[in-house]
Amino acid sequence: MFNTRSPSSRPGHPAGPVRRGLRRGVPDHALLQRLSAISQPVFVANGDSDPMILPHYSYLLAGLIPQAQVKIYPDSAHGFLFQHHANFAADVEAFLNDPGQGGSVQIS
């Protein structure tokens, strides 16, 4: 449903999980540790009920990137940015205007 036409984006393709730092649901720590080398501020957003990218993976991602902010939107799943479009747009704009607020966690 959310896959591209690329064969590697389809479920079951061996390259798909590796790109996400997981192989068969088991974290690939070597790949995940590379995230700490990202020096740019990063905004990580997710819905609190997302079945495709579980919120704890958003926290994991943000915890591994030094200047990451994470925002979890309530009562929403994978389409949180459509459900909370005004809040999401405002949060992205605030992040782009002041990305130096890294390390913060927000649950609204």
Protein backbone atom coordinates (compact mmCIF):
# COMPACT_ATOMS: atom_id res chain seq x y z
CA MET A 1 0.00 0.00 0.00
CA PHE A 2 2.83 2.46 0.77
CA ASN A 3 5.48 0.82 -1.39
CA THR A 4 7.08 2.39 -4.43
CA ARG A 5 7.53 0.60 -7.74
CA SER A 6 11.09 -0.25 -6.75
CA PRO A 7 11.41 -3.98 -5.99
CA SER A 8 13.52 -3.20 -2.91
CA SER A 9 10.63 -1.31 -1.30
CA ARG A 10 8.31 -4.30 -1.43
CA PRO A 11 7.76 -6.47 1.65
CA GLY A 12 10.05 -9.43 1.87
CA HIS A 13 12.86 -7.92 -0.24
CA PRO A 14 16.16 -8.35 1.65
CA ALA A 15 17.26 -4.72 1.11
CA GLY A 16 14.11 -3.22 2.65
CA PRO A 17 14.67 -4.15 6.31
CA VAL A 18 18.40 -3.45 6.11
CA ARG A 19 17.71 0.14 5.10
CA ARG A 20 15.75 0.53 8.32
CA GLY A 21 18.50 -0.95 10.48
CA LEU A 22 16.57 -4.16 11.02
CA ARG A 23 16.87 -7.65 9.64
CA ARG A 24 13.86 -9.88 10.29
CA GLY A 25 12.78 -7.59 13.13
CA VAL A 26 16.13 -7.80 14.92
CA PRO A 27 18.04 -4.52 15.25
CA ASP A 28 21.27 -4.33 13.29
CA HIS A 29 23.33 -2.45 15.87
CA ALA A 30 26.16 -1.65 13.46
CA LEU A 31 23.77 0.19 11.16
CA LEU A 32 21.92 1.88 14.00
CA GLN A 33 25.17 3.13 15.57
CA ARG A 34 25.95 4.99 12.34
CA LEU A 35 23.04 7.31 13.10
CA SER A 36 25.11 9.01 15.81
CA ALA A 37 27.30 10.44 13.04
CA ILE A 38 24.43 12.61 11.77
CA SER A 39 25.37 16.13 12.85
CA GLN A 40 22.39 17.99 11.38
CA PRO A 41 19.27 18.61 13.45
CA VAL A 42 16.56 16.06 12.69
CA PHE A 43 12.80 16.24 13.28
CA VAL A 44 11.27 12.80 13.91
CA ALA A 45 7.47 12.67 13.86
CA ASN A 46 5.02 9.81 14.25
CA GLY A 47 1.49 8.91 15.29
CA ASP A 48 1.02 7.27 18.67
CA SER A 49 -0.86 4.33 17.12
CA ASP A 50 1.19 3.81 13.95
CA PRO A 51 1.22 0.07 13.16
CA MET A 52 3.83 0.45 10.41
CA ILE A 53 6.45 2.42 12.33
CA LEU A 54 5.86 1.80 16.00
CA PRO A 55 6.39 4.91 18.16
CA HIS A 56 9.17 3.25 20.17
CA TYR A 57 11.21 3.14 16.95
CA SER A 58 10.79 6.91 16.65
CA TYR A 59 12.19 7.27 20.15
CA LEU A 60 15.01 4.88 19.29
CA LEU A 61 15.84 6.87 16.16
CA ALA A 62 15.74 10.20 17.98
CA GLY A 63 17.83 8.80 20.81
CA LEU A 64 20.57 7.75 18.41
CA ILE A 65 20.78 11.07 16.54
CA PRO A 66 22.48 13.74 18.68
CA GLN A 67 20.38 16.74 17.61
CA ALA A 68 17.04 15.01 17.10
CA GLN A 69 13.61 16.17 18.21
CA VAL A 70 10.75 13.71 18.38
CA LYS A 71 7.06 14.59 18.29
CA ILE A 72 4.38 11.94 18.72
CA TYR A 73 0.89 12.99 17.63
CA PRO A 74 -2.05 11.63 19.66
CA ASP A 75 -4.87 9.44 18.42
CA SER A 76 -3.27 8.93 15.02
CA ALA A 77 -1.50 6.28 13.03
CA HIS A 78 0.63 6.35 9.88
CA GLY A 79 -1.35 9.25 8.42
CA PHE A 80 -0.75 11.55 11.40
CA LEU A 81 0.45 14.37 9.16
CA PHE A 82 -2.93 14.43 7.41
CA GLN A 83 -4.92 14.15 10.64
CA HIS A 84 -2.85 16.81 12.40
CA HIS A 85 -1.87 18.79 9.32
CA ALA A 86 -2.04 22.22 10.96
CA ASN A 87 -0.05 21.15 14.03
CA PHE A 88 2.43 19.20 11.92
CA ALA A 89 2.98 22.18 9.59
CA ALA A 90 3.48 24.49 12.56
CA ASP A 91 5.89 22.04 14.19
CA VAL A 92 7.92 21.66 11.00
CA GLU A 93 8.02 25.43 10.53
CA ALA A 94 9.14 25.93 14.14
CA PHE A 95 11.81 23.26 13.70
CA LEU A 96 13.08 24.84 10.48
CA ASN A 97 13.18 28.28 12.10
CA ASP A 98 15.01 27.03 15.19
CA PRO A 99 16.51 23.57 14.60
CA GLY A 100 18.87 23.99 17.55
CA GLN A 101 16.27 22.68 19.98
CA GLY A 102 17.63 19.14 19.53
CA GLY A 103 17.15 16.53 22.16
CA SER A 104 13.59 17.42 23.04
CA VAL A 105 10.70 14.98 23.22
CA GLN A 106 7.10 16.08 22.88
CA ILE A 107 3.87 14.18 23.09
CA SER A 108 0.81 16.25 22.34
